[in-house]
Amino acid sequence: MKRKLVILLLLINFFAFPETTSTTEINWEHQLITVKIQSKLDENIILPEAKIIAKEEISVALPLIMRRSLQSFFINSSQTVQDYIFRDINTLQRFEAFTSLRFREKIYLSDDLKYLNAEYVFPVFPNFASFFVTHNFASNIQQSLMYTPSANFTGIVIYAADRLPLFGQKKESYLELCLFPKILTETGEILFQPQNMEPQRLKDYGPVRYVSDISNVPKVVVGDNPLNIVATAVFGSNMTDIVIPKEYAEIILSKNENINLLKQGKIVIICNKEKITQTVTLENI
C-alpha cells in the first residue's frame, strides 16, 4: 500500500495543466492560507461547458498546487512540509484530504470571460497544522528550584522583528516563521517546545501567535500584564527558533502560573513585517 502511494505521489507531478496558474499565500498573523487559481477557458467550447471543464480541471489541480506551493514552508527549525510528506506516507494521505477542508471558496469568471478564477481559504489551525502534530501527551516543564523574583504574568510577548545573530555563529538573520517554533535560552537550553502543549490545544491554536507590529498584539492571547522580552538570537538550520536571555527564562520557570503560559501557548512574537506573509506562484502547472 505504501509503495502504491509513493508511486502515486511521483506520477501526480507529471500531470500538466499548461494554462493554469496559481498564487498561494500563507499569512502567519491571520493564520490563513489563501490559494488563487486561474484557468484559461477553451475558446472552442460554448461558455457554460467551458466553465464546467475549467472548474473540474481546477478541482483536480488543487491538491497538486497545494502540495507544490506549501512544500517549502517550515514546520520547525529543521524540517519543511516536504520533509514530512516524504518521511510519512500517512501524512501524504492526510495532506491530500486537506484540500476538502476549505474555509471559504469563491469561483467566478474574469471580466473578459476568458478565464475561470477560483479562490480558496484554509485555516492554518487546526486544519493544516494538525497533520504535523505527532505526540500524544504534553511533556513536562520543570519549575526552577532557584529563587527568582517574579510576578504572575498574563502572557509572554517576545520582540524579534530586527536582524538577530544566528546562535553560535557570526552571521545575522531575520526570524523565519514556522508552525512549531522553540524558545531557547542563551546557554542553549530549551525553555519551550510545542511538545510541551496538549496535542489538541496545539492543533487548535498553535504554540505562538505572530504579529507584525506591537499595536497588533492580541490581548485575548497575552492579557493586560504580559512579560515583555527582547530576543537576542535566532536558532536552527531554518532560523525559526528564538533565543532569549537566561534571566527571563528564570522569571518564567520560577512560578507554575508562568510555566502554564508556555503550556497554553500564551505567547506572541513580534516579527519582521516582510516575513508575516509568504507567497508562492506557479505557472503552467
C-alpha atoms as a PDB file:
ATOM      1  CA  MET A   1       0.000   0.000   0.000  1.00  0.00           C
ATOM      2  CA  LYS A   2       2.760   2.439   0.931  1.00  0.00           C
ATOM      3  CA  ARG A   3       4.606   1.655  -2.299  1.00  0.00           C
ATOM      4  CA  LYS A   4       1.481   2.464  -4.329  1.00  0.00           C
ATOM      5  CA  LEU A   5       1.106   5.817  -2.566  1.00  0.00           C
ATOM      6  CA  VAL A   6       4.728   6.716  -3.266  1.00  0.00           C
ATOM      7  CA  ILE A   7       4.226   5.868  -6.944  1.00  0.00           C
ATOM      8  CA  LEU A   8       1.058   7.986  -6.968  1.00  0.00           C
ATOM      9  CA  LEU A   9       2.979  10.873  -5.432  1.00  0.00           C
ATOM     10  CA  LEU A  10       5.583  10.656  -8.176  1.00  0.00           C
ATOM     11  CA  LEU A  11       3.074  10.290 -11.008  1.00  0.00           C
ATOM     12  CA  ILE A  12       0.941  13.252  -9.992  1.00  0.00           C
ATOM     13  CA  ASN A  13       3.921  15.538 -10.620  1.00  0.00           C
ATOM     14  CA  PHE A  14       3.687  14.665 -14.304  1.00  0.00           C
ATOM     15  CA  PHE A  15       0.080  15.806 -14.598  1.00  0.00           C
ATOM     16  CA  ALA A  16       0.032  19.017 -16.623  1.00  0.00           C
ATOM     17  CA  PHE A  17      -2.325  21.973 -16.573  1.00  0.00           C
ATOM     18  CA  PRO A  18      -0.449  24.192 -19.073  1.00  0.00           C
ATOM     19  CA  GLU A  19      -2.855  27.127 -18.980  1.00  0.00           C
ATOM     20  CA  THR A  20      -3.444  27.157 -15.244  1.00  0.00           C
ATOM     21  CA  THR A  21      -1.591  29.478 -12.849  1.00  0.00           C
ATOM     22  CA  SER A  22      -1.791  29.828  -9.090  1.00  0.00           C
ATOM     23  CA  THR A  23      -0.690  32.024  -6.215  1.00  0.00           C
ATOM     24  CA  THR A  24      -0.573  30.598  -2.694  1.00  0.00           C
ATOM     25  CA  GLU A  25      -0.118  32.871   0.308  1.00  0.00           C
ATOM     26  CA  ILE A  26       0.267  31.951   3.946  1.00  0.00           C
ATOM     27  CA  ASN A  27      -0.464  34.808   6.328  1.00  0.00           C
ATOM     28  CA  TRP A  28       1.023  33.951   9.719  1.00  0.00           C
ATOM     29  CA  GLU A  29      -0.670  36.843  11.526  1.00  0.00           C
ATOM     30  CA  HIS A  30      -4.160  35.909  10.346  1.00  0.00           C
ATOM     31  CA  GLN A  31      -3.286  32.178  10.360  1.00  0.00           C
ATOM     32  CA  LEU A  32      -4.778  31.637   6.905  1.00  0.00           C
ATOM     33  CA  ILE A  33      -3.651  30.008   3.667  1.00  0.00           C
ATOM     34  CA  THR A  34      -5.144  31.586   0.534  1.00  0.00           C
ATOM     35  CA  VAL A  35      -4.919  29.883  -2.862  1.00  0.00           C
ATOM     36  CA  LYS A  36      -5.860  31.760  -6.038  1.00  0.00           C
ATOM     37  CA  ILE A  37      -6.078  29.750  -9.268  1.00  0.00           C
ATOM     38  CA  GLN A  38      -6.747  30.956 -12.805  1.00  0.00           C
ATOM     39  CA  SER A  39      -7.559  28.548 -15.654  1.00  0.00           C
ATOM     40  CA  LYS A  40      -7.974  29.570 -19.290  1.00  0.00           C
ATOM     41  CA  LEU A  41     -11.314  28.622 -20.835  1.00  0.00           C
ATOM     42  CA  ASP A  42     -11.405  26.583 -24.035  1.00  0.00           C
ATOM     43  CA  GLU A  43     -12.430  29.050 -26.758  1.00  0.00           C
ATOM     44  CA  ASN A  44     -13.710  26.242 -28.964  1.00  0.00           C
ATOM     45  CA  ILE A  45     -16.450  25.275 -26.495  1.00  0.00           C
ATOM     46  CA  ILE A  46     -19.520  27.281 -25.547  1.00  0.00           C
ATOM     47  CA  LEU A  47     -19.085  29.227 -22.327  1.00  0.00           C
ATOM     48  CA  PRO A  48     -21.243  27.137 -19.935  1.00  0.00           C
ATOM     49  CA  GLU A  49     -19.474  23.893 -20.906  1.00  0.00           C
ATOM     50  CA  ALA A  50     -16.038  25.538 -20.936  1.00  0.00           C
ATOM     51  CA  LYS A  51     -16.685  26.803 -17.404  1.00  0.00           C
ATOM     52  CA  ILE A  52     -17.631  23.296 -16.182  1.00  0.00           C
ATOM     53  CA  ILE A  53     -14.477  21.798 -17.711  1.00  0.00           C
ATOM     54  CA  ALA A  54     -12.242  24.512 -16.257  1.00  0.00           C
ATOM     55  CA  LYS A  55     -13.821  24.082 -12.826  1.00  0.00           C
ATOM     56  CA  GLU A  56     -13.116  20.354 -12.963  1.00  0.00           C
ATOM     57  CA  GLU A  57      -9.504  20.995 -14.006  1.00  0.00           C
ATOM     58  CA  ILE A  58      -9.058  23.348 -11.065  1.00  0.00           C
ATOM     59  CA  SER A  59     -10.553  20.769  -8.705  1.00  0.00           C
ATOM     60  CA  VAL A  60      -8.129  18.117  -9.975  1.00  0.00           C
ATOM     61  CA  ALA A  61      -5.163  20.503  -9.861  1.00  0.00           C
ATOM     62  CA  LEU A  62      -5.841  21.851  -6.343  1.00  0.00           C
ATOM     63  CA  PRO A  63      -4.126  19.060  -4.328  1.00  0.00           C
ATOM     64  CA  LEU A  64      -1.059  19.254  -6.578  1.00  0.00           C
ATOM     65  CA  ILE A  65      -0.979  23.052  -6.341  1.00  0.00           C
ATOM     66  CA  MET A  66      -1.277  22.936  -2.556  1.00  0.00           C
ATOM     67  CA  ARG A  67       1.495  20.412  -2.154  1.00  0.00           C
ATOM     68  CA  ARG A  68       3.881  22.131  -4.557  1.00  0.00           C
ATOM     69  CA  SER A  69       3.187  25.551  -3.075  1.00  0.00           C
ATOM     70  CA  LEU A  70       3.442  24.582   0.591  1.00  0.00           C
ATOM     71  CA  GLN A  71       6.285  22.070   0.372  1.00  0.00           C
ATOM     72  CA  SER A  72       8.982  24.653   1.156  1.00  0.00           C
ATOM     73  CA  PHE A  73       7.204  26.144   4.192  1.00  0.00           C
ATOM     74  CA  PHE A  74       8.880  25.473   7.518  1.00  0.00           C
ATOM     75  CA  ILE A  75       7.341  23.096  10.052  1.00  0.00           C
ATOM     76  CA  ASN A  76      10.106  23.638  12.615  1.00  0.00           C
ATOM     77  CA  SER A  77      13.782  24.553  12.806  1.00  0.00           C
ATOM     78  CA  SER A  78      14.941  21.590  10.734  1.00  0.00           C
ATOM     79  CA  GLN A  79      12.018  20.348   8.630  1.00  0.00           C
ATOM     80  CA  THR A  80       9.778  21.552   5.828  1.00  0.00           C
ATOM     81  CA  VAL A  81       6.344  20.344   4.738  1.00  0.00           C
ATOM     82  CA  GLN A  82       8.008  18.291   2.015  1.00  0.00           C
ATOM     83  CA  ASP A  83      10.232  16.541   4.564  1.00  0.00           C
ATOM     84  CA  TYR A  84       7.152  15.372   6.466  1.00  0.00           C
ATOM     85  CA  ILE A  85       5.329  14.197   3.345  1.00  0.00           C
ATOM     86  CA  PHE A  86       8.186  12.013   2.155  1.00  0.00           C
ATOM     87  CA  ARG A  87       9.009  10.741   5.641  1.00  0.00           C
ATOM     88  CA  ASP A  88       5.486   9.609   6.472  1.00  0.00           C
ATOM     89  CA  ILE A  89       3.064   8.249   3.868  1.00  0.00           C
ATOM     90  CA  ASN A  90       0.189   8.764   6.307  1.00  0.00           C
ATOM     91  CA  THR A  91       0.972  12.470   6.230  1.00  0.00           C
ATOM     92  CA  LEU A  92       0.648  12.361   2.441  1.00  0.00           C
ATOM     93  CA  GLN A  93      -2.806  10.805   2.708  1.00  0.00           C
ATOM     94  CA  ARG A  94      -3.941  13.398   5.255  1.00  0.00           C
ATOM     95  CA  PHE A  95      -2.436  16.223   3.228  1.00  0.00           C
ATOM     96  CA  GLU A  96      -4.313  15.196   0.083  1.00  0.00           C
ATOM     97  CA  ALA A  97      -7.533  15.201   2.119  1.00  0.00           C
ATOM     98  CA  PHE A  98      -6.714  18.685   3.453  1.00  0.00           C
ATOM     99  CA  THR A  99      -7.899  20.337   0.235  1.00  0.00           C
ATOM    100  CA  SER A 100     -11.501  19.358   1.044  1.00  0.00           C
ATOM    101  CA  LEU A 101     -11.399  21.274   4.344  1.00  0.00           C
ATOM    102  CA  ARG A 102     -11.510  24.752   2.844  1.00  0.00           C
ATOM    103  CA  PHE A 103     -12.881  27.538   4.974  1.00  0.00           C
ATOM    104  CA  ARG A 104     -14.072  29.799   2.141  1.00  0.00           C
ATOM    105  CA  GLU A 105     -14.478  29.274  -1.595  1.00  0.00           C
ATOM    106  CA  LYS A 106     -15.151  31.714  -4.425  1.00  0.00           C
ATOM    107  CA  ILE A 107     -15.355  30.811  -8.139  1.00  0.00           C
ATOM    108  CA  TYR A 108     -16.001  33.432 -10.802  1.00  0.00           C
ATOM    109  CA  LEU A 109     -15.319  34.366 -14.439  1.00  0.00           C
ATOM    110  CA  SER A 110     -12.819  37.052 -15.381  1.00  0.00           C
ATOM    111  CA  ASP A 111     -14.201  40.304 -16.780  1.00  0.00           C
ATOM    112  CA  ASP A 112     -13.196  39.348 -20.319  1.00  0.00           C
ATOM    113  CA  LEU A 113     -14.812  35.868 -19.916  1.00  0.00           C
ATOM    114  CA  LYS A 114     -11.561  34.170 -20.955  1.00  0.00           C
ATOM    115  CA  TYR A 115     -10.576  32.723 -17.566  1.00  0.00           C
ATOM    116  CA  LEU A 116     -12.168  30.963 -14.637  1.00  0.00           C
ATOM    117  CA  ASN A 117     -10.845  32.189 -11.296  1.00  0.00           C
ATOM    118  CA  ALA A 118     -11.035  30.259  -8.051  1.00  0.00           C
ATOM    119  CA  GLU A 119     -10.085  31.399  -4.551  1.00  0.00           C
ATOM    120  CA  TYR A 120      -9.818  29.043  -1.586  1.00  0.00           C
ATOM    121  CA  VAL A 121      -9.055  29.926   2.030  1.00  0.00           C
ATOM    122  CA  PHE A 122      -7.796  27.335   4.539  1.00  0.00           C
ATOM    123  CA  PRO A 123      -7.175  27.847   8.281  1.00  0.00           C
ATOM    124  CA  VAL A 124      -3.622  27.075   9.386  1.00  0.00           C
ATOM    125  CA  PHE A 125      -5.002  25.942  12.766  1.00  0.00           C
ATOM    126  CA  PRO A 126      -6.428  23.405  13.208  1.00  0.00           C
ATOM    127  CA  ASN A 127      -6.889  22.057   9.667  1.00  0.00           C
ATOM    128  CA  PHE A 128      -3.372  22.330   8.277  1.00  0.00           C
ATOM    129  CA  ALA A 129      -1.213  22.129  11.390  1.00  0.00           C
ATOM    130  CA  SER A 130      -2.955  19.059  12.785  1.00  0.00           C
ATOM    131  CA  PHE A 131      -1.287  16.851  10.153  1.00  0.00           C
ATOM    132  CA  PHE A 132       2.091  17.550  11.710  1.00  0.00           C
ATOM    133  CA  VAL A 133       1.287  17.067  15.411  1.00  0.00           C
ATOM    134  CA  THR A 134       2.660  13.632  16.279  1.00  0.00           C
ATOM    135  CA  HIS A 135       2.839  13.482  20.088  1.00  0.00           C
ATOM    136  CA  ASN A 136       0.049  12.080  22.269  1.00  0.00           C
ATOM    137  CA  PHE A 137       0.852  13.689  25.634  1.00  0.00           C
ATOM    138  CA  ALA A 138       2.309  17.010  26.738  1.00  0.00           C
ATOM    139  CA  SER A 139       5.872  16.803  28.056  1.00  0.00           C
ATOM    140  CA  ASN A 140       6.546  18.466  31.383  1.00  0.00           C
ATOM    141  CA  ILE A 141       8.292  21.792  32.009  1.00  0.00           C
ATOM    142  CA  GLN A 142      10.200  21.628  35.269  1.00  0.00           C
ATOM    143  CA  GLN A 143       9.829  24.510  37.701  1.00  0.00           C
ATOM    144  CA  SER A 144      13.141  26.073  38.666  1.00  0.00           C
ATOM    145  CA  LEU A 145      14.413  25.354  42.175  1.00  0.00           C
ATOM    146  CA  MET A 146      16.365  28.613  42.158  1.00  0.00           C
ATOM    147  CA  TYR A 147      14.607  31.581  43.711  1.00  0.00           C
ATOM    148  CA  THR A 148      13.974  34.376  41.231  1.00  0.00           C
ATOM    149  CA  PRO A 149      11.846  37.461  41.952  1.00  0.00           C
ATOM    150  CA  SER A 150       8.854  37.241  39.657  1.00  0.00           C
ATOM    151  CA  ALA A 151       5.177  38.019  39.242  1.00  0.00           C
ATOM    152  CA  ASN A 152       2.118  36.308  37.834  1.00  0.00           C
ATOM    153  CA  PHE A 153       2.025  37.414  34.205  1.00  0.00           C
ATOM    154  CA  THR A 154      -0.897  37.010  31.823  1.00  0.00           C
ATOM    155  CA  GLY A 155       1.134  36.202  28.725  1.00  0.00           C
ATOM    156  CA  ILE A 156       4.525  36.462  27.055  1.00  0.00           C
ATOM    157  CA  VAL A 157       5.454  38.921  24.292  1.00  0.00           C
ATOM    158  CA  ILE A 158       8.792  38.467  22.507  1.00  0.00           C
ATOM    159  CA  TYR A 159      10.162  41.190  20.232  1.00  0.00           C
ATOM    160  CA  ALA A 160      12.086  39.596  17.341  1.00  0.00           C
ATOM    161  CA  ALA A 161      11.497  41.973  14.437  1.00  0.00           C
ATOM    162  CA  ASP A 162      15.107  43.068  13.895  1.00  0.00           C
ATOM    163  CA  ARG A 163      18.015  41.198  12.358  1.00  0.00           C
ATOM    164  CA  LEU A 164      19.474  38.950  15.044  1.00  0.00           C
ATOM    165  CA  PRO A 165      22.674  36.932  15.425  1.00  0.00           C
ATOM    166  CA  LEU A 166      22.442  33.305  14.379  1.00  0.00           C
ATOM    167  CA  PHE A 167      23.119  31.428  17.614  1.00  0.00           C
ATOM    168  CA  GLY A 168      26.734  30.282  17.845  1.00  0.00           C
ATOM    169  CA  GLN A 169      27.736  31.921  14.557  1.00  0.00           C
ATOM    170  CA  LYS A 170      28.899  35.309  13.310  1.00  0.00           C
ATOM    171  CA  LYS A 171      26.006  35.611  10.858  1.00  0.00           C
ATOM    172  CA  GLU A 172      22.780  37.560  11.260  1.00  0.00           C
ATOM    173  CA  SER A 173      19.267  36.815  10.046  1.00  0.00           C
ATOM    174  CA  TYR A 174      15.660  37.796  10.451  1.00  0.00           C
ATOM    175  CA  LEU A 175      13.499  35.287  12.270  1.00  0.00           C
ATOM    176  CA  GLU A 176      11.862  32.887   9.824  1.00  0.00           C
ATOM    177  CA  LEU A 177       8.303  31.861  10.654  1.00  0.00           C
ATOM    178  CA  CYS A 178       7.121  28.290  11.068  1.00  0.00           C
ATOM    179  CA  LEU A 179       4.323  26.185  12.530  1.00  0.00           C
ATOM    180  CA  PHE A 180       6.171  24.971  15.609  1.00  0.00           C
ATOM    181  CA  PRO A 181       8.996  27.226  16.860  1.00  0.00           C
ATOM    182  CA  LYS A 182      11.022  26.599  20.005  1.00  0.00           C
ATOM    183  CA  ILE A 183      12.265  29.072  22.584  1.00  0.00           C
ATOM    184  CA  LEU A 184      15.785  28.607  23.968  1.00  0.00           C
ATOM    185  CA  THR A 185      18.000  30.365  26.477  1.00  0.00           C
ATOM    186  CA  GLU A 186      21.376  31.938  25.737  1.00  0.00           C
ATOM    187  CA  THR A 187      23.010  28.857  27.249  1.00  0.00           C
ATOM    188  CA  GLY A 188      21.306  26.653  24.641  1.00  0.00           C
ATOM    189  CA  GLU A 189      18.692  25.081  26.932  1.00  0.00           C
ATOM    190  CA  ILE A 190      15.197  24.543  25.534  1.00  0.00           C
ATOM    191  CA  LEU A 191      12.732  26.620  27.531  1.00  0.00           C
ATOM    192  CA  PHE A 192       9.710  25.733  25.420  1.00  0.00           C
ATOM    193  CA  GLN A 193       8.881  23.385  22.562  1.00  0.00           C
ATOM    194  CA  PRO A 194       5.461  22.572  21.062  1.00  0.00           C
ATOM    195  CA  GLN A 195       5.533  19.103  22.641  1.00  0.00           C
ATOM    196  CA  ASN A 196       5.015  20.886  25.978  1.00  0.00           C
ATOM    197  CA  MET A 197       1.431  21.608  24.921  1.00  0.00           C
ATOM    198  CA  GLU A 198      -1.508  19.234  24.975  1.00  0.00           C
ATOM    199  CA  PRO A 199      -1.847  17.898  21.399  1.00  0.00           C
ATOM    200  CA  GLN A 200      -5.411  19.127  20.855  1.00  0.00           C
ATOM    201  CA  ARG A 201      -4.660  22.637  22.081  1.00  0.00           C
ATOM    202  CA  LEU A 202      -1.581  22.750  19.864  1.00  0.00           C
ATOM    203  CA  LYS A 203      -3.686  21.697  16.857  1.00  0.00           C
ATOM    204  CA  ASP A 204      -6.422  24.209  17.608  1.00  0.00           C
ATOM    205  CA  TYR A 205      -4.400  27.316  18.440  1.00  0.00           C
ATOM    206  CA  GLY A 206      -0.733  26.714  17.669  1.00  0.00           C
ATOM    207  CA  PRO A 207       2.185  27.326  20.032  1.00  0.00           C
ATOM    208  CA  VAL A 208       2.593  31.064  19.338  1.00  0.00           C
ATOM    209  CA  ARG A 209       0.912  33.966  17.575  1.00  0.00           C
ATOM    210  CA  TYR A 210       2.951  36.008  15.109  1.00  0.00           C
ATOM    211  CA  VAL A 211       2.239  39.722  14.621  1.00  0.00           C
ATOM    212  CA  SER A 212       3.933  42.378  12.509  1.00  0.00           C
ATOM    213  CA  ASP A 213       3.602  45.289  14.916  1.00  0.00           C
ATOM    214  CA  ILE A 214       3.365  45.826  18.651  1.00  0.00           C
ATOM    215  CA  SER A 215      -0.016  47.510  18.158  1.00  0.00           C
ATOM    216  CA  ASN A 216      -1.347  44.207  16.784  1.00  0.00           C
ATOM    217  CA  VAL A 217      -0.555  42.162  19.898  1.00  0.00           C
ATOM    218  CA  PRO A 218      -3.854  40.409  20.750  1.00  0.00           C
ATOM    219  CA  LYS A 219      -4.870  40.906  24.377  1.00  0.00           C
ATOM    220  CA  VAL A 220      -7.072  37.842  24.101  1.00  0.00           C
ATOM    221  CA  VAL A 221      -3.825  35.846  23.959  1.00  0.00           C
ATOM    222  CA  VAL A 222      -1.484  37.672  26.353  1.00  0.00           C
ATOM    223  CA  GLY A 223      -3.840  39.654  28.591  1.00  0.00           C
ATOM    224  CA  ASP A 224      -3.171  43.010  30.235  1.00  0.00           C
ATOM    225  CA  ASN A 225       0.061  42.186  32.051  1.00  0.00           C
ATOM    226  CA  PRO A 226       2.387  40.263  29.712  1.00  0.00           C
ATOM    227  CA  LEU A 227       6.064  39.623  30.313  1.00  0.00           C
ATOM    228  CA  ASN A 228       7.910  41.587  27.603  1.00  0.00           C
ATOM    229  CA  ILE A 229      11.158  40.085  26.281  1.00  0.00           C
ATOM    230  CA  VAL A 230      13.604  41.106  23.544  1.00  0.00           C
ATOM    231  CA  ALA A 231      15.047  38.150  21.634  1.00  0.00           C
ATOM    232  CA  THR A 232      18.846  38.011  21.480  1.00  0.00           C
ATOM    233  CA  ALA A 233      19.365  35.489  18.665  1.00  0.00           C
ATOM    234  CA  VAL A 234      17.730  33.035  16.272  1.00  0.00           C
ATOM    235  CA  PHE A 235      18.490  29.324  16.238  1.00  0.00           C
ATOM    236  CA  GLY A 236      18.213  26.295  13.952  1.00  0.00           C
ATOM    237  CA  SER A 237      19.045  25.469  10.352  1.00  0.00           C
ATOM    238  CA  ASN A 238      15.797  27.149   9.265  1.00  0.00           C
ATOM    239  CA  MET A 239      16.370  30.075  11.674  1.00  0.00           C
ATOM    240  CA  THR A 240      12.889  29.677  13.188  1.00  0.00           C
ATOM    241  CA  ASP A 241      13.712  29.284  16.890  1.00  0.00           C
ATOM    242  CA  ILE A 242      14.096  32.181  19.312  1.00  0.00           C
ATOM    243  CA  VAL A 243      16.817  32.710  21.916  1.00  0.00           C
ATOM    244  CA  ILE A 244      16.038  34.830  24.981  1.00  0.00           C
ATOM    245  CA  PRO A 245      18.155  35.980  27.955  1.00  0.00           C
ATOM    246  CA  LYS A 246      18.619  33.402  30.715  1.00  0.00           C
ATOM    247  CA  GLU A 247      17.221  35.749  33.375  1.00  0.00           C
ATOM    248  CA  TYR A 248      13.854  35.927  31.596  1.00  0.00           C
ATOM    249  CA  ALA A 249      13.719  32.154  31.380  1.00  0.00           C
ATOM    250  CA  GLU A 250      14.254  32.037  35.156  1.00  0.00           C
ATOM    251  CA  ILE A 251      11.413  34.515  35.681  1.00  0.00           C
ATOM    252  CA  ILE A 252       9.109  32.212  33.744  1.00  0.00           C
ATOM    253  CA  LEU A 253      10.324  28.999  35.362  1.00  0.00           C
ATOM    254  CA  SER A 254      10.101  30.379  38.896  1.00  0.00           C
ATOM    255  CA  LYS A 255       6.294  30.134  39.021  1.00  0.00           C
ATOM    256  CA  ASN A 256       3.927  27.419  37.838  1.00  0.00           C
ATOM    257  CA  GLU A 257       1.479  30.127  36.766  1.00  0.00           C
ATOM    258  CA  ASN A 258       4.052  31.456  34.293  1.00  0.00           C
ATOM    259  CA  ILE A 259       5.030  27.975  33.132  1.00  0.00           C
ATOM    260  CA  ASN A 260       1.373  27.434  32.281  1.00  0.00           C
ATOM    261  CA  LEU A 261       1.576  30.390  29.895  1.00  0.00           C
ATOM    262  CA  LEU A 262       4.012  28.344  27.821  1.00  0.00           C
ATOM    263  CA  LYS A 263       1.895  25.207  28.025  1.00  0.00           C
ATOM    264  CA  GLN A 264      -1.207  27.128  26.945  1.00  0.00           C
ATOM    265  CA  GLY A 265       0.516  28.906  24.051  1.00  0.00           C
ATOM    266  CA  LYS A 266       0.033  32.354  25.572  1.00  0.00           C
ATOM    267  CA  ILE A 267       2.958  33.644  23.519  1.00  0.00           C
ATOM    268  CA  VAL A 268       3.068  36.418  20.928  1.00  0.00           C
ATOM    269  CA  ILE A 269       6.104  37.009  18.739  1.00  0.00           C
ATOM    270  CA  ILE A 270       6.586  40.380  17.052  1.00  0.00           C
ATOM    271  CA  CYS A 271       8.408  39.650  13.803  1.00  0.00           C
ATOM    272  CA  ASN A 272       9.605  41.499  10.721  1.00  0.00           C
ATOM    273  CA  LYS A 273       6.744  42.775   8.564  1.00  0.00           C
ATOM    274  CA  GLU A 274       8.295  41.287   5.429  1.00  0.00           C
ATOM    275  CA  LYS A 275       8.132  37.811   6.960  1.00  0.00           C
ATOM    276  CA  ILE A 276       4.486  37.842   8.038  1.00  0.00           C
ATOM    277  CA  THR A 277       3.316  36.619   4.617  1.00  0.00           C
ATOM    278  CA  GLN A 278       4.910  34.092   2.273  1.00  0.00           C
ATOM    279  CA  THR A 279       3.829  33.726  -1.345  1.00  0.00           C
ATOM    280  CA  VAL A 280       4.496  31.048  -3.959  1.00  0.00           C
ATOM    281  CA  THR A 281       3.440  31.475  -7.608  1.00  0.00           C
ATOM    282  CA  LEU A 282       3.160  28.554 -10.028  1.00  0.00           C
ATOM    283  CA  GLU A 283       2.743  28.960 -13.781  1.00  0.00           C
ATOM    284  CA  ASN A 284       1.842  26.357 -16.411  1.00  0.00           C
ATOM    285  CA  ILE A 285       1.248  23.835 -13.653  1.00  0.00           C
END
